[in-house]
Protein backbone atom coordinates (compact mmCIF):
# COMPACT_ATOMS: atom_id res chain seq x y z
CA MET A 1 -77.29 24.38 -10.10
CA HIS A 2 -74.65 21.96 -9.03
CA PRO A 3 -71.08 22.65 -10.22
CA THR A 4 -69.77 20.33 -12.84
CA PRO A 5 -67.40 17.84 -11.18
CA PRO A 6 -63.86 17.75 -12.56
CA LEU A 7 -63.11 15.03 -14.99
CA ARG A 8 -61.20 12.10 -13.54
CA ARG A 9 -58.24 10.64 -15.41
CA ASP A 10 -59.73 7.18 -15.40
CA SER A 11 -62.93 8.49 -17.01
CA LEU A 12 -61.11 9.68 -20.15
CA SER A 13 -60.54 7.50 -23.15
CA ASN A 14 -57.10 6.68 -24.55
CA GLU A 15 -57.74 8.89 -27.59
CA GLU A 16 -58.60 11.90 -25.40
CA LEU A 17 -55.51 11.37 -23.29
CA THR A 18 -53.36 11.19 -26.40
CA VAL A 19 -54.81 14.39 -27.88
CA GLY A 20 -54.36 16.25 -24.62
CA ARG A 21 -50.73 15.08 -24.31
CA GLN A 22 -50.02 16.19 -27.91
CA ASP A 23 -51.53 19.63 -27.23
CA ARG A 24 -49.33 20.07 -24.16
CA GLU A 25 -46.21 19.04 -26.09
CA GLU A 26 -47.01 21.56 -28.87
CA GLU A 27 -47.46 24.34 -26.30
CA GLU A 28 -44.14 23.48 -24.60
CA GLY A 29 -42.41 23.42 -28.00
CA SER A 30 -43.72 26.85 -28.97
CA THR A 31 -42.65 28.23 -25.58
CA ARG A 32 -39.09 26.92 -26.02
CA ALA A 33 -38.96 28.39 -29.55
CA GLN A 34 -39.98 31.83 -28.23
CA HIS A 35 -37.26 31.71 -25.57
CA SER A 36 -34.63 30.70 -28.11
CA ASN A 37 -35.66 33.51 -30.47
CA SER A 38 -35.60 36.09 -27.70
CA SER A 39 -32.15 35.03 -26.38
CA PRO A 40 -29.11 36.94 -27.72
CA PRO A 41 -27.30 35.26 -30.61
CA ALA A 42 -24.16 33.33 -29.88
CA SER A 43 -20.82 34.88 -30.72
CA ARG A 44 -20.28 32.21 -33.35
CA SER A 45 -23.80 31.07 -34.28
CA SER A 46 -22.96 30.26 -37.91
CA PRO A 47 -19.97 30.67 -40.21
CA SER A 48 -21.84 32.96 -42.67
CA SER A 49 -23.17 35.44 -40.11
CA ASN A 50 -19.87 35.80 -38.21
CA MET A 51 -17.42 35.67 -41.13
CA ASP A 52 -16.54 39.41 -40.93
CA GLN A 53 -16.87 39.74 -37.15
CA PRO A 54 -13.67 39.44 -35.09
CA TYR A 55 -13.31 36.87 -32.33
CA ASP A 56 -12.41 37.60 -28.75
CA ASP A 57 -8.73 38.07 -29.61
CA GLY A 58 -9.57 40.67 -32.34
CA SER A 59 -8.72 38.45 -35.31
CA ASN A 60 -10.91 36.78 -37.90
CA THR A 61 -9.31 33.40 -37.27
CA PRO A 62 -11.21 31.15 -34.92
CA PRO A 63 -9.17 30.06 -31.91
CA GLU A 64 -7.81 26.55 -31.87
CA GLU A 65 -9.75 24.08 -29.83
CA PRO A 66 -7.72 22.64 -26.95
CA ILE A 67 -6.58 19.09 -27.56
CA PRO A 68 -8.04 16.81 -24.90
CA THR A 69 -5.35 15.17 -22.82
CA LYS A 70 -5.46 12.11 -20.68
CA ASP A 71 -5.77 12.56 -16.97
CA PRO A 72 -2.35 12.44 -15.31
CA LEU A 73 -1.50 9.54 -13.09
CA PRO A 74 -2.70 10.19 -9.57
CA GLU A 75 -0.23 10.79 -6.81
CA THR A 76 -0.84 7.40 -5.23
CA THR A 77 0.15 5.49 -8.36
CA PRO A 78 3.87 4.62 -8.56
CA PRO A 79 5.64 5.82 -11.71
CA PRO A 80 5.94 3.46 -14.68
CA ILE A 81 8.90 1.19 -14.04
CA ASN A 82 11.91 1.56 -16.32
CA PRO A 83 15.17 -0.03 -15.12
CA PHE A 84 17.26 2.72 -16.68
CA THR A 85 15.33 5.89 -15.86
CA HIS A 86 14.33 4.79 -12.36
CA LEU A 87 17.71 3.74 -11.01
CA PRO A 88 17.55 6.47 -8.31
CA THR A 89 14.25 5.04 -7.09
CA PHE A 90 15.64 1.51 -6.95
CA SER A 91 18.81 2.72 -5.22
CA LEU A 92 16.88 4.54 -2.51
CA LEU A 93 14.66 1.50 -2.04
CA VAL A 94 17.80 -0.57 -1.46
CA LEU A 95 19.24 1.93 1.00
CA PHE A 96 16.10 2.44 3.06
CA SER A 97 15.16 -1.24 3.07
CA ILE A 98 18.54 -1.99 4.68
CA LEU A 99 17.89 0.64 7.34
CA GLY A 100 14.33 -0.58 7.87
CA CYS A 101 15.42 -4.20 8.28
CA LEU A 102 18.08 -3.20 10.80
CA ALA A 103 15.55 -1.12 12.73
CA ARG A 104 13.06 -4.00 12.91
CA ILE A 105 15.64 -6.56 14.02
CA GLY A 106 17.06 -4.09 16.55
CA LEU A 107 13.67 -3.25 18.05
CA THR A 108 12.76 -6.92 18.30
CA ALA A 109 16.02 -7.67 20.13
CA LEU A 110 15.59 -4.63 22.39
CA PHE A 111 12.09 -5.54 23.55
CA THR A 112 12.69 -9.29 23.91
CA TYR A 113 13.27 -10.07 27.59
CA GLN A 114 11.83 -12.08 30.46
CA GLY A 115 8.50 -10.76 31.70
CA GLN A 116 7.83 -8.53 28.67
CA ALA A 117 4.42 -6.88 28.74
CA VAL A 118 3.62 -7.28 25.02
CA PHE A 119 5.13 -9.15 22.11
CA PRO A 120 8.20 -7.30 20.73
CA LEU A 121 7.01 -7.12 17.10
CA ILE A 122 4.32 -4.59 17.97
CA TRP A 123 6.93 -1.85 18.43
CA SER A 124 8.22 -2.32 14.90
CA GLN A 125 4.69 -2.20 13.52
CA GLY A 126 3.95 0.96 15.48
CA LEU A 127 7.16 2.75 14.47
CA GLY A 128 6.76 1.91 10.79
CA CYS A 129 3.13 3.09 10.72
CA LEU A 130 4.05 6.26 12.62
CA LEU A 131 6.71 7.13 10.05
CA MET A 132 4.28 6.26 7.25
CA GLY A 133 1.84 8.79 8.69
CA PHE A 134 4.56 11.43 8.55
CA CYS A 135 5.39 10.46 4.96
CA VAL A 136 1.77 10.80 3.87
CA GLY A 137 1.42 14.16 5.62
CA TRP A 138 4.70 15.49 4.24
CA ARG A 139 4.37 14.02 0.77
CA LYS A 140 4.46 17.31 -1.14
CA ASP A 141 7.40 18.54 0.90
CA LEU A 142 9.31 15.29 0.42
CA GLU A 143 8.75 15.34 -3.33
CA ARG A 144 9.79 19.00 -3.47
CA TRP A 145 12.91 18.19 -1.47
CA GLY A 146 14.06 15.00 -3.18
CA GLY A 147 11.53 14.12 -5.89
CA ARG A 148 9.22 11.13 -5.97
CA GLU A 149 12.23 8.89 -5.46
CA LEU A 150 12.63 10.11 -1.88
CA TYR A 151 8.95 9.59 -1.11
CA PHE A 152 8.94 6.03 -2.42
CA GLY A 153 12.25 5.33 -0.69
CA LEU A 154 10.90 6.41 2.69
CA GLY A 155 7.37 5.02 2.34
CA THR A 156 7.96 1.78 0.45
CA GLY A 157 11.56 1.18 1.49
CA LEU A 158 11.90 2.33 5.11
CA CYS A 159 8.38 2.07 6.51
CA GLY A 160 7.54 -1.05 4.52
CA SER A 161 10.66 -2.83 5.78
CA ILE A 162 10.25 -1.83 9.42
CA THR A 163 6.78 -3.38 9.48
CA THR A 164 6.09 -6.95 8.46
CA PHE A 165 2.90 -8.89 7.79
CA SER A 166 4.38 -12.39 7.53
CA SER A 167 5.96 -12.42 11.00
CA TRP A 168 2.70 -11.14 12.42
CA MET A 169 0.86 -14.10 10.88
CA LEU A 170 3.43 -16.55 12.26
CA GLN A 171 3.13 -15.16 15.77
CA THR A 172 -0.65 -15.19 15.51
CA PHE A 173 -0.57 -18.86 14.54
CA GLU A 174 1.78 -19.61 17.45
CA ALA A 175 -0.60 -17.83 19.81
CA PHE A 176 -3.71 -19.67 18.61
CA SER A 177 -2.01 -23.09 18.57
CA ASN A 178 0.14 -22.61 21.70
CA PHE A 179 3.16 -23.64 19.67
CA PRO A 180 5.56 -25.09 20.71
CA GLY A 181 3.48 -26.00 23.76
CA SER A 182 5.83 -24.50 26.34
CA THR A 183 2.92 -23.29 28.48
CA GLN A 184 0.04 -25.34 29.81
CA ARG A 185 -3.23 -23.56 29.10
CA SER A 186 -6.69 -24.27 27.79
CA GLY A 187 -8.05 -23.73 24.31
CA VAL A 188 -9.95 -20.67 25.52
CA HIS A 189 -6.70 -19.04 26.57
CA ASP A 190 -5.14 -19.96 23.23
CA ALA A 191 -7.96 -18.18 21.43
CA ALA A 192 -7.67 -15.19 23.76
CA ASP A 193 -3.95 -14.94 23.07
CA GLY A 194 -4.49 -15.03 19.29
CA ILE A 195 -7.22 -12.38 19.44
CA THR A 196 -4.92 -10.24 21.59
CA HIS A 197 -2.28 -10.31 18.85
CA LEU A 198 -4.90 -9.24 16.31
CA VAL A 199 -6.47 -6.43 18.34
CA LEU A 200 -3.24 -4.96 19.66
CA THR A 201 -1.47 -4.99 16.29
CA VAL A 202 -4.34 -3.47 14.33
CA SER A 203 -5.23 -0.82 16.92
CA PHE A 204 -1.62 0.21 17.57
CA ALA A 205 -0.82 0.34 13.85
CA PHE A 206 -3.82 2.56 13.02
CA PHE A 207 -3.21 4.75 16.05
CA SER A 208 0.43 5.27 15.08
CA PHE A 209 -0.43 6.03 11.45
CA HIS A 210 -3.06 8.65 12.32
CA LEU A 211 -0.82 10.14 15.00
CA GLY A 212 2.00 10.61 12.52
CA ARG A 213 -0.29 12.13 9.90
CA HIS A 214 -1.88 14.45 12.47
CA LEU A 215 1.47 15.64 13.81
CA SER A 216 2.87 16.21 10.33
CA SER A 217 -0.14 18.28 9.30
CA ASN A 218 -0.76 20.35 12.43
CA HIS A 219 2.27 20.51 14.71
CA PHE A 220 5.33 20.59 12.44
CA PRO A 221 6.31 23.23 9.90
CA SER A 222 7.04 22.61 6.24
CA LEU A 223 10.10 20.49 5.62
CA SER A 224 11.55 22.14 2.55
CA PRO A 225 12.08 25.56 1.01
CA SER A 226 10.58 26.62 -2.29
CA ARG A 227 13.59 25.20 -4.13
CA SER A 228 15.35 22.11 -2.86
CA PRO A 229 19.15 22.16 -2.74
CA LEU A 230 19.13 18.48 -3.71
CA LEU A 231 17.48 19.29 -7.04
CA THR A 232 19.77 22.21 -7.86
CA HIS A 233 22.34 19.80 -9.32
CA PRO A 234 20.24 16.88 -10.53
CA LEU A 235 23.08 15.02 -12.24
CA LEU A 236 25.29 15.08 -9.16
CA THR A 237 22.38 14.17 -6.91
CA LYS A 238 21.36 11.20 -9.05
CA THR A 239 24.95 9.99 -9.27
CA ILE A 240 25.35 10.02 -5.49
CA THR A 241 21.91 8.47 -5.04
CA ILE A 242 22.80 5.57 -7.31
CA LEU A 243 26.38 4.96 -6.16
CA LEU A 244 25.96 5.27 -2.39
CA PRO A 245 23.47 2.41 -1.89
CA LEU A 246 25.33 0.27 -4.42
CA LEU A 247 28.66 0.71 -2.63
CA LEU A 248 27.03 0.04 0.73
CA TYR A 249 25.43 -3.16 -0.53
CA LEU A 250 28.71 -4.37 -2.05
CA ALA A 251 30.56 -3.62 1.19
CA LEU A 252 28.08 -5.65 3.22
CA LEU A 253 28.33 -8.48 0.72
CA LEU A 254 32.12 -8.55 0.95
CA ILE A 255 31.98 -8.54 4.75
CA CYS A 256 29.56 -11.44 4.69
CA ILE A 257 31.79 -13.44 2.34
CA LEU A 258 35.23 -12.69 3.82
CA ASP A 259 34.60 -12.23 7.54
CA HIS A 260 33.78 -15.65 9.00
CA LYS A 261 33.80 -14.41 12.61
CA THR A 262 30.83 -12.07 12.16
CA ASP A 263 27.35 -13.41 12.72
CA ARG A 264 26.15 -13.95 9.18
CA THR A 265 22.49 -14.11 10.14
CA LEU A 266 22.26 -10.35 10.53
CA LEU A 267 24.33 -9.64 7.43
CA LEU A 268 22.38 -12.09 5.31
CA SER A 269 19.11 -10.60 6.55
CA VAL A 270 20.27 -7.13 5.54
CA LEU A 271 21.41 -8.40 2.14
CA LEU A 272 18.10 -10.17 1.47
CA ALA A 273 15.97 -7.19 2.52
CA PRO A 274 16.42 -5.13 -0.72
CA PRO A 275 15.28 -7.98 -3.02
CA GLY A 276 12.11 -8.34 -0.95
CA THR A 277 11.41 -4.61 -1.09
CA LEU A 278 12.04 -4.40 -4.84
CA LEU A 279 9.75 -7.36 -5.46
CA ARG A 280 7.01 -5.73 -3.41
CA PHE A 281 7.51 -2.49 -5.34
CA HIS A 282 7.11 -4.35 -8.64
CA LEU A 283 4.04 -6.19 -7.38
CA THR A 284 2.29 -2.83 -6.95
CA ARG A 285 1.91 -2.91 -10.75
CA LEU A 286 -0.99 -5.28 -10.08
CA ASN A 287 -2.96 -2.50 -8.39
CA PRO A 288 -5.51 -0.79 -10.68
CA VAL A 289 -5.07 2.92 -11.28
CA PHE A 290 -6.70 5.05 -8.60
CA GLY A 291 -9.76 7.09 -9.44
CA SER A 292 -10.12 10.86 -9.27
CA LYS A 293 -11.01 10.67 -5.59
CA PRO A 294 -9.00 8.78 -2.98
CA HIS A 295 -11.89 6.53 -2.02
CA LYS A 296 -13.03 5.81 -5.59
CA ARG A 297 -11.04 3.48 -7.80
CA THR A 298 -11.36 1.82 -11.14
CA LYS A 299 -12.75 -1.64 -11.51
CA GLY A 300 -10.61 -4.44 -10.20
CA ILE A 301 -8.94 -5.30 -6.94
CA PRO A 302 -7.32 -2.04 -5.80
CA THR A 303 -4.94 -3.74 -3.35
CA LEU A 304 -3.97 -6.84 -5.32
CA GLY A 305 -0.26 -6.00 -5.32
CA THR A 306 0.07 -5.57 -1.56
CA PHE A 307 -2.17 -8.57 -0.91
CA THR A 308 -0.06 -10.75 -3.21
CA ALA A 309 3.18 -9.60 -1.57
CA ASN A 310 1.87 -10.28 1.93
CA MET A 311 0.51 -13.74 1.10
CA LEU A 312 3.64 -14.73 -0.83
CA ALA A 313 5.88 -13.64 2.02
CA THR A 314 3.70 -15.51 4.52
CA ALA A 315 3.97 -18.73 2.52
CA ILE A 316 7.75 -18.41 2.11
CA LEU A 317 8.25 -17.64 5.80
CA GLY A 318 6.12 -20.60 6.82
CA THR A 319 8.16 -22.90 4.58
CA SER A 320 11.44 -21.59 5.99
CA TYR A 321 10.08 -21.96 9.52
CA VAL A 322 9.24 -25.63 8.87
CA LEU A 323 12.63 -26.36 7.28
CA GLN A 324 14.36 -25.04 10.39
CA ARG A 325 12.46 -27.43 12.64
CA LYS A 326 11.55 -30.45 10.54
CA PRO A 327 13.89 -33.42 11.02
CA LEU A 328 15.44 -34.28 7.66
CA PRO A 329 16.59 -37.74 6.51
CA GLY A 330 20.13 -36.48 6.03
CA GLY A 331 20.43 -35.13 9.55
CA ALA A 332 20.66 -31.60 10.86
CA LEU A 333 21.27 -28.66 8.60
CA SER A 334 24.61 -26.91 8.49
CA THR A 335 25.17 -23.64 10.29
CA LEU A 336 25.23 -21.68 7.04
CA GLN A 337 21.98 -23.28 5.87
CA CYS A 338 20.28 -22.38 9.13
CA GLN A 339 21.56 -18.82 8.92
CA VAL A 340 20.26 -18.47 5.37
CA LEU A 341 16.81 -19.75 6.39
CA GLN A 342 16.66 -17.30 9.28
CA ALA A 343 17.78 -14.49 6.99
CA VAL A 344 15.02 -15.39 4.55
CA GLU A 345 12.50 -14.94 7.36
CA ASP A 346 13.91 -11.73 8.83
CA GLY A 347 15.24 -10.08 5.69
CA PHE A 348 13.45 -11.21 2.56
CA CYS A 349 9.99 -12.05 3.94
CA GLY A 350 10.11 -9.23 6.48
CA SER A 351 10.68 -6.69 3.69
CA LEU A 352 8.46 -8.35 1.09
CA SER A 353 5.44 -8.10 3.38
CA THR A 354 4.30 -4.86 4.98
CA VAL A 355 1.79 -3.55 7.49
CA SER A 356 2.33 0.18 6.93
CA THR A 357 1.08 0.15 3.31
CA PHE A 358 -1.61 -2.33 4.39
CA VAL A 359 -2.88 0.23 6.92
CA VAL A 360 -2.78 3.08 4.39
CA GLU A 361 -4.87 1.07 1.92
CA ILE A 362 -7.44 0.13 4.56
CA ASP A 363 -7.70 3.72 5.70
CA ASP A 364 -8.14 4.85 2.09
CA MET A 365 -10.87 2.30 1.34
CA ARG A 366 -12.80 2.82 4.58
CA GLY A 367 -16.16 1.35 5.44
CA ARG A 368 -17.07 -2.21 4.61
CA ARG A 369 -14.48 -2.58 1.86
CA GLY A 370 -11.67 -1.68 4.22
CA ALA A 371 -12.98 -3.99 6.94
CA GLY A 372 -13.39 -6.79 4.41
CA TYR A 373 -9.85 -6.29 3.11
CA LEU A 374 -8.49 -6.38 6.66
CA ALA A 375 -10.46 -9.47 7.64
CA GLY A 376 -9.77 -11.29 4.37
CA SER A 377 -6.02 -10.67 4.51
CA TRP A 378 -5.79 -11.72 8.15
CA VAL A 379 -7.84 -14.89 7.66
CA MET A 380 -5.92 -15.85 4.52
CA GLY A 381 -2.59 -15.28 6.24
CA VAL A 382 -3.56 -17.43 9.22
CA LEU A 383 -4.87 -20.18 6.93
CA ILE A 384 -1.58 -20.23 5.03
CA MET A 385 0.28 -20.70 8.30
CA VAL A 386 -2.14 -23.41 9.39
CA ALA A 387 -1.67 -25.26 6.09
CA ILE A 388 2.13 -25.04 5.99
CA VAL A 389 3.27 -24.94 9.62
CA GLY A 390 0.30 -26.68 11.17
CA GLY A 391 0.16 -29.36 8.51
CA SER A 392 3.82 -30.21 9.05
CA TRP A 393 3.48 -30.12 12.82
CA TRP A 394 0.32 -32.18 13.14
CA ASN A 395 1.12 -34.90 10.60
CA GLY A 396 2.55 -37.17 13.28
CA SER A 397 6.31 -36.63 13.04
CA GLY A 398 6.26 -33.27 14.79
CA PHE A 399 9.11 -30.82 14.89
CA GLY A 400 12.68 -31.36 15.95
CA GLU A 401 15.77 -29.19 16.18
CA ALA A 402 17.15 -29.12 12.69
CA CYS A 403 18.66 -25.71 13.41
CA ARG A 404 20.13 -24.28 16.60
CA LEU A 405 20.62 -20.55 16.18
């Protein structure tokens, strides 16, 4: 006798398949019912069966269910802005933006000389990103020492003002276009010079940021004790924090107004740095709230605030750059007007735009999104300079010497 071959699925009718599927579902249902009957009863299976049985705390009153709360704001989200409750934050932003602007101008002057190996701005970008790496690595210690105000003052105020995105875009445009044509070279060398500015700035900025974060995490001890002496007397600390930057700013303003012998370009740059930093801090409100993980965010453009600040500063700097060099119908600009325009470039635009936060956001996004954000910001910044500076330069009239600083 030959064994009966097994039935093939395609040889069964639809009715037979349906009956077989129903039989299997009934068997699975009976099996689940047996398991549920054999499992021990829950501590609170029904109100009638457990009415006289005590709960875990020994009482007959059921415990209160915890009220669901909203997830707290992540650490990377700045606190909600209130002009009255966040005066210490604004004051520290003013103080550290002044110091950051002075550091950037000083480093640029120090490394500007004949036969320099690299462009001077790269040292400011590297120092700001290095300090930002330390701030990220020491964040908990900084907040324990001086609260979130100190962290935002150092990260947004100091590091953000030492680095600048707008000046980087201007120098990149000058490299690609060989402006003002002081050297005779081919278009290939112009392109090589522009790419050099891009590669050196990006690589040195990322290297400095990761170096600072690595050193802060592995080679330096904790910054603060368990209880910060600055937070022992919060009222006194907040009073000093608010008054000190305000008095410093007023003193610089009086010197700029009354002392006509002092170079006002530096003083005006320092005075215009805090407004740029505060505007950038407010523009971070455009960033969506971060997700539960650093690399996952809510829907939207996660870096819209920083991107807007960098592009706005680039456009303003390009306009000021053109006004300094475009011959005007009324003649040359006055000395004070030229100093104000230069201060707008060095102080306001230099502090409104930032590379340190730009690097942190790219490092947080990673992968294709980070590379796209880097490429998009760089291309958009260069295009803004091409439209404003290049359009004014190539329209036929060229540039003159409206200002001689």
